[in-house]
């Protein structure tokens, strides 16, 4: 082999070594990203039962108008959407609901509009003993004008649509009676629906012109 050929081989070898090094680096970075993504996904999908109250207290100041908090029965599914967080607790639905409702009502910046599955009204006590009492206790933490009963498919459509843009926290409890989940959509705590309507009506009655500053 001529000196020129030997030099060419050495250059090619050096280039291959450099390329292999870069490929190893790329593979390592990709593996790190996949691991990080999986870890984040896992953290979004689960939380230990011992820290669920801390999670609620942490999320509530961040949440505002159009965020949701759902206290769900144990068969509720986990969502794939990254903005929907699900935690599992070993407590009963009523105790979790009472804590969450109190936390929301104690907050100055948000209030809850509550949705219940309409199907709950039609569950027979003979099929699920205790459901009659549970129906009454579920609404106890809220005023009558806060609570709306709509078909399950409708409330799920609201959740699906909100989850595309806004964060949602699901808290799965130990409840084993169907249609007992309580869906709390957060609204502005320092503005009532009546004030909102007054603003909208005033806007619609005003000619469309640019305000003068």
Protein backbone atom coordinates (compact mmCIF):
# COMPACT_ATOMS: atom_id res chain seq x y z
CA UNK A 1 0.00 0.00 0.00
CA UNK A 2 1.32 3.39 -0.95
CA UNK A 3 1.82 6.17 1.63
CA UNK A 4 -1.08 8.04 0.01
CA UNK A 5 -3.39 5.02 0.40
CA UNK A 6 -2.33 4.55 4.01
CA UNK A 7 -3.09 8.19 4.77
CA UNK A 8 -6.45 7.85 3.09
CA UNK A 9 -7.29 4.80 5.23
CA UNK A 10 -6.27 6.64 8.39
CA UNK A 11 -8.49 9.61 7.48
CA UNK A 12 -11.43 7.36 6.71
CA UNK A 13 -10.93 5.51 9.98
CA UNK A 14 -10.82 8.75 11.92
CA UNK A 15 -13.98 9.94 10.25
CA UNK A 16 -15.78 6.67 11.00
CA UNK A 17 -14.69 6.84 14.62
CA UNK A 18 -15.97 10.42 14.88
CA UNK A 19 -19.24 9.44 13.21
CA UNK A 20 -19.71 6.46 15.54
CA UNK A 21 -19.09 8.74 18.50
CA UNK A 22 -21.72 11.16 17.30
CA UNK A 23 -24.21 8.36 16.70
CA UNK A 24 -23.62 7.06 20.21
CA UNK A 25 -24.26 10.55 21.57
CA UNK A 26 -27.50 10.88 19.57
CA UNK A 27 -28.73 7.47 20.76
CA UNK A 28 -27.89 8.38 24.37
CA UNK A 29 -29.76 11.70 24.13
CA UNK A 30 -32.81 10.04 22.56
CA UNK A 31 -32.85 7.39 25.27
CA UNK A 32 -32.67 10.11 27.91
CA UNK A 33 -35.56 11.99 26.33
CA UNK A 34 -37.72 8.86 26.11
CA UNK A 35 -36.99 8.01 29.75
CA UNK A 36 -37.77 11.55 30.83
CA UNK A 37 -41.00 11.58 28.85
CA UNK A 38 -42.07 8.24 30.30
CA UNK A 39 -41.25 9.41 33.79
CA UNK A 40 -43.28 12.60 33.26
CA UNK A 41 -46.17 10.58 31.89
CA UNK A 42 -46.08 8.34 34.92
CA UNK A 43 -46.05 11.32 37.27
CA UNK A 44 -49.05 12.80 35.46
CA UNK A 45 -50.95 9.55 35.78
CA UNK A 46 -50.40 8.68 39.40
CA UNK A 47 -49.86 10.03 42.87
CA UNK A 48 -49.55 8.27 46.20
CA UNK A 49 -52.59 8.25 48.46
CA UNK A 50 -50.58 9.88 51.24
CA UNK A 51 -49.91 13.13 49.39
CA UNK A 52 -53.18 13.78 47.54
CA UNK A 53 -54.15 16.65 49.85
CA UNK A 54 -50.81 18.31 49.17
CA UNK A 55 -51.41 17.88 45.43
CA UNK A 56 -54.82 19.58 45.72
CA UNK A 57 -53.33 22.46 47.71
CA UNK A 58 -50.52 22.78 45.17
CA UNK A 59 -52.75 22.75 42.10
CA UNK A 60 -55.53 24.99 43.37
CA UNK A 61 -53.59 28.30 43.33
CA UNK A 62 -52.48 27.51 39.76
CA UNK A 63 -55.99 26.64 38.59
CA UNK A 64 -58.55 29.19 37.50
CA UNK A 65 -61.54 29.72 35.25
CA UNK A 66 -62.16 26.61 33.06
CA UNK A 67 -59.91 24.21 34.96
CA UNK A 68 -61.62 21.14 36.45
CA UNK A 69 -61.24 19.00 39.56
CA UNK A 70 -63.08 15.68 39.50
CA UNK A 71 -63.65 13.40 42.48
CA UNK A 72 -64.34 10.07 40.80
CA UNK A 73 -65.41 6.52 41.54
CA UNK A 74 -62.80 3.78 41.33
CA UNK A 75 -63.63 2.61 37.78
CA UNK A 76 -62.94 5.98 36.20
CA UNK A 77 -60.40 5.70 33.36
CA UNK A 78 -57.02 7.38 33.16
CA UNK A 79 -56.72 9.78 30.24
CA UNK A 80 -53.86 9.83 27.73
CA UNK A 81 -53.89 13.62 27.36
CA UNK A 82 -50.82 15.13 29.09
CA UNK A 83 -52.84 17.96 30.66
CA UNK A 84 -55.15 15.58 32.53
CA UNK A 85 -53.63 14.41 35.80
CA UNK A 86 -54.98 11.38 37.67
CA UNK A 87 -54.19 10.40 41.24
CA UNK A 88 -55.50 7.37 43.15
CA UNK A 89 -56.44 7.55 46.81
CA UNK A 90 -57.56 4.92 49.29
CA UNK A 91 -60.18 7.17 50.88
CA UNK A 92 -63.94 7.14 50.38
CA UNK A 93 -65.56 9.52 47.90
CA UNK A 94 -67.43 11.63 50.46
CA UNK A 95 -64.40 12.45 52.61
CA UNK A 96 -62.34 13.39 49.54
CA UNK A 97 -65.19 15.46 48.14
CA UNK A 98 -65.65 17.31 51.42
CA UNK A 99 -61.95 18.19 51.54
CA UNK A 100 -61.83 19.37 47.92
CA UNK A 101 -65.08 21.35 48.18
CA UNK A 102 -63.84 23.06 51.36
CA UNK A 103 -60.52 23.90 49.72
CA UNK A 104 -62.28 25.47 46.74
CA UNK A 105 -64.78 27.43 48.84
CA UNK A 106 -61.92 28.70 51.02
CA UNK A 107 -60.15 30.01 47.94
CA UNK A 108 -60.85 33.62 46.95
CA UNK A 109 -60.01 33.32 43.27
CA UNK A 110 -62.21 30.41 42.18
CA UNK A 111 -65.61 28.86 42.83
CA UNK A 112 -67.07 25.55 41.66
CA UNK A 113 -69.87 24.83 39.23
CA UNK A 114 -70.76 21.21 39.95
CA UNK A 115 -71.96 18.61 37.47
CA UNK A 116 -73.41 15.22 38.43
CA UNK A 117 -74.32 12.28 36.23
CA UNK A 118 -78.09 12.30 35.69
CA UNK A 119 -78.01 8.50 35.73
CA UNK A 120 -77.30 8.61 39.47
CA UNK A 121 -80.92 9.61 40.12
CA UNK A 122 -82.13 6.33 38.62
CA UNK A 123 -79.90 3.82 40.42
CA UNK A 124 -81.98 1.45 42.54
CA UNK A 125 -81.17 1.06 46.22
CA UNK A 126 -81.72 -2.69 45.83
CA UNK A 127 -78.91 -2.87 43.28
CA UNK A 128 -76.50 -0.65 45.21
CA UNK A 129 -77.32 -0.42 48.93
CA UNK A 130 -76.44 3.00 50.31
CA UNK A 131 -76.89 4.90 47.05
CA UNK A 132 -79.92 6.85 48.33
CA UNK A 133 -77.96 8.31 51.24
CA UNK A 134 -74.95 8.91 49.02
CA UNK A 135 -77.10 10.89 46.56
CA UNK A 136 -78.03 13.30 49.35
CA UNK A 137 -74.55 13.57 50.85
CA UNK A 138 -72.85 14.27 47.53
CA UNK A 139 -74.71 17.57 47.13
CA UNK A 140 -74.37 18.60 50.80
CA UNK A 141 -71.13 20.62 50.39
CA UNK A 142 -72.71 22.83 47.70
CA UNK A 143 -75.57 25.28 47.35
CA UNK A 144 -78.49 24.26 45.13
CA UNK A 145 -77.63 26.80 42.44
CA UNK A 146 -74.14 25.29 42.11
CA UNK A 147 -75.26 21.81 41.12
CA UNK A 148 -76.37 20.66 37.67
CA UNK A 149 -77.45 17.13 36.75
CA UNK A 150 -76.82 16.18 33.12
CA UNK A 151 -76.38 12.89 31.20
CA UNK A 152 -73.02 11.20 31.63
CA UNK A 153 -72.18 11.53 27.94
CA UNK A 154 -72.65 15.30 28.12
CA UNK A 155 -70.40 15.82 31.10
CA UNK A 156 -67.77 13.60 29.52
CA UNK A 157 -67.94 15.72 26.36
CA UNK A 158 -67.28 18.79 28.50
CA UNK A 159 -64.28 17.06 30.08
CA UNK A 160 -62.93 15.88 26.72
CA UNK A 161 -63.19 19.36 25.23
CA UNK A 162 -61.68 21.11 28.26
CA UNK A 163 -58.80 18.62 28.41
CA UNK A 164 -57.59 19.77 24.99
CA UNK A 165 -56.65 23.18 26.38
CA UNK A 166 -56.98 23.32 30.16
CA UNK A 167 -55.56 21.24 32.99
CA UNK A 168 -57.80 18.80 34.82
CA UNK A 169 -57.19 16.91 38.07
CA UNK A 170 -58.91 13.57 38.58
CA UNK A 171 -58.94 12.06 42.07
CA UNK A 172 -59.97 8.40 41.96
CA UNK A 173 -61.48 7.24 45.24
CA UNK A 174 -62.45 3.84 46.60
CA UNK A 175 -66.14 4.31 45.63
CA UNK A 176 -67.76 1.35 43.88
CA UNK A 177 -71.18 2.78 43.05
CA UNK A 178 -71.46 3.87 39.40
CA UNK A 179 -72.25 7.43 38.30
CA UNK A 180 -71.17 8.91 41.64
CA UNK A 181 -68.31 11.00 40.26
CA UNK A 182 -68.51 14.73 41.03
CA UNK A 183 -67.22 17.09 38.32
CA UNK A 184 -66.23 20.56 39.51
CA UNK A 185 -65.57 23.16 36.84
CA UNK A 186 -63.82 26.16 38.29
CA UNK A 187 -65.13 29.65 37.57
CA UNK A 188 -63.93 33.09 38.61
CA UNK A 189 -64.44 33.41 42.36
CA UNK A 190 -64.71 37.17 42.45
CA UNK A 191 -67.31 37.54 39.69
CA UNK A 192 -70.80 36.03 39.78
CA UNK A 193 -72.74 34.71 36.80
CA UNK A 194 -75.13 37.65 37.21
CA UNK A 195 -72.32 40.19 36.87
CA UNK A 196 -71.02 38.31 33.84
CA UNK A 197 -74.46 38.50 32.22
CA UNK A 198 -74.69 42.24 32.92
CA UNK A 199 -71.32 42.79 31.22
CA UNK A 200 -72.34 40.72 28.18
CA UNK A 201 -75.70 42.47 27.89
CA UNK A 202 -74.05 45.89 28.12
CA UNK A 203 -71.61 44.90 25.39
CA UNK A 204 -74.37 43.67 23.10
CA UNK A 205 -76.37 46.90 23.61
CA UNK A 206 -73.39 49.10 22.78
CA UNK A 207 -72.66 50.00 19.12
CA UNK A 208 -69.53 48.29 17.87
CA UNK A 209 -66.95 51.05 17.99
CA UNK A 210 -63.44 51.36 19.30
CA UNK A 211 -63.30 52.73 22.85
CA UNK A 212 -61.61 56.08 23.30
CA UNK A 213 -58.72 56.26 25.72
